Protein backbone atom coordinates (compact mmCIF):
# COMPACT_ATOMS: atom_id res chain seq x y z
CA MET A 1 0.00 0.00 0.00
CA THR A 2 1.21 3.48 -0.83
CA VAL A 3 0.01 6.64 0.83
CA ARG A 4 0.51 9.83 -1.11
CA VAL A 5 0.33 13.06 0.81
CA GLY A 6 0.05 15.95 -1.61
CA GLU A 7 1.26 18.67 0.72
CA ASP A 8 4.16 19.08 3.12
CA TYR A 9 3.21 22.27 4.97
CA PHE A 10 0.13 22.84 7.12
CA TRP A 11 -1.32 25.38 9.53
CA SER A 12 -0.57 24.66 13.16
CA ILE A 13 -2.73 26.09 15.93
CA PRO A 14 -1.01 26.84 19.26
CA ALA A 15 -1.83 24.15 21.84
CA ASP A 16 -3.39 26.60 24.29
CA GLN A 17 -5.88 27.69 21.61
CA LEU A 18 -6.56 24.39 19.89
CA TYR A 19 -9.62 23.41 21.93
CA ASP A 20 -11.02 26.85 22.66
CA VAL A 21 -13.82 26.94 20.10
CA THR A 22 -15.23 30.15 21.57
CA ALA A 23 -12.45 32.27 20.06
CA ALA A 24 -10.72 32.34 16.70
CA PRO A 25 -7.12 31.17 16.98
CA SER A 26 -4.36 33.74 16.65
CA GLY A 27 -0.66 33.28 16.17
CA LEU A 28 -0.98 30.42 13.69
CA THR A 29 2.31 28.81 12.78
CA ILE A 30 3.33 26.56 9.91
CA GLY A 31 4.08 22.90 10.46
CA GLN A 32 5.85 20.53 8.08
CA LEU A 33 4.94 16.87 7.63
CA SER A 34 8.44 15.87 6.55
CA GLU A 35 9.83 17.44 9.71
CA SER A 36 7.29 15.59 11.88
CA PHE A 37 8.25 12.36 10.10
CA ASP A 38 11.97 12.98 10.64
CA ASN A 39 11.36 13.75 14.31
CA ILE A 40 9.51 10.45 14.75
CA ARG A 41 12.30 8.54 13.02
CA GLU A 42 14.81 10.04 15.46
CA LEU A 43 12.87 9.08 18.59
CA ASP A 44 15.05 6.03 19.16
CA THR A 45 17.91 8.38 20.07
CA SER A 46 15.81 10.06 22.78
CA PRO A 47 12.87 7.79 23.70
CA ASP A 48 11.70 10.14 26.49
CA ARG A 49 10.45 12.49 23.76
CA ALA A 50 8.15 9.76 22.37
CA ILE A 51 5.59 10.22 25.09
CA SER A 52 5.95 13.96 25.45
CA TYR A 53 5.82 15.32 21.90
CA GLY A 54 6.12 12.26 19.70
CA LEU A 55 2.38 11.75 19.80
CA VAL A 56 1.83 15.26 18.47
CA TRP A 57 4.16 14.57 15.53
CA LEU A 58 2.36 11.29 14.92
CA SER A 59 -0.99 13.07 14.93
CA ASP A 60 0.30 15.47 12.24
CA LEU A 61 1.05 12.48 10.02
CA LEU A 62 -2.13 10.55 10.80
CA ARG A 63 -4.31 13.53 9.94
CA ALA A 64 -2.53 13.98 6.61
CA ILE A 65 -2.82 10.27 5.81
CA GLY A 66 -6.49 10.24 6.79
CA GLN A 67 -7.18 13.08 4.39
CA SER A 68 -5.15 11.59 1.52
CA GLU A 69 -5.86 9.09 -1.20
CA VAL A 70 -4.59 5.54 -0.68
CA SER A 71 -3.60 3.47 -3.71
């Protein structure tokens, strides 16, 4: 199976604003799927990061895969 993700960059909402649906988010930043992927691949060198922020990087990738075409 091949998953093709058409984009590499995405909007990232600051964590403290992500679940506040009563206000429009400000201070959007740009994330990069390839960077999230590289960070996950490097988790074996610092496994303590896997629980802390590794799940956030994984969620970046899973969202992109979920919204992509699978062939």
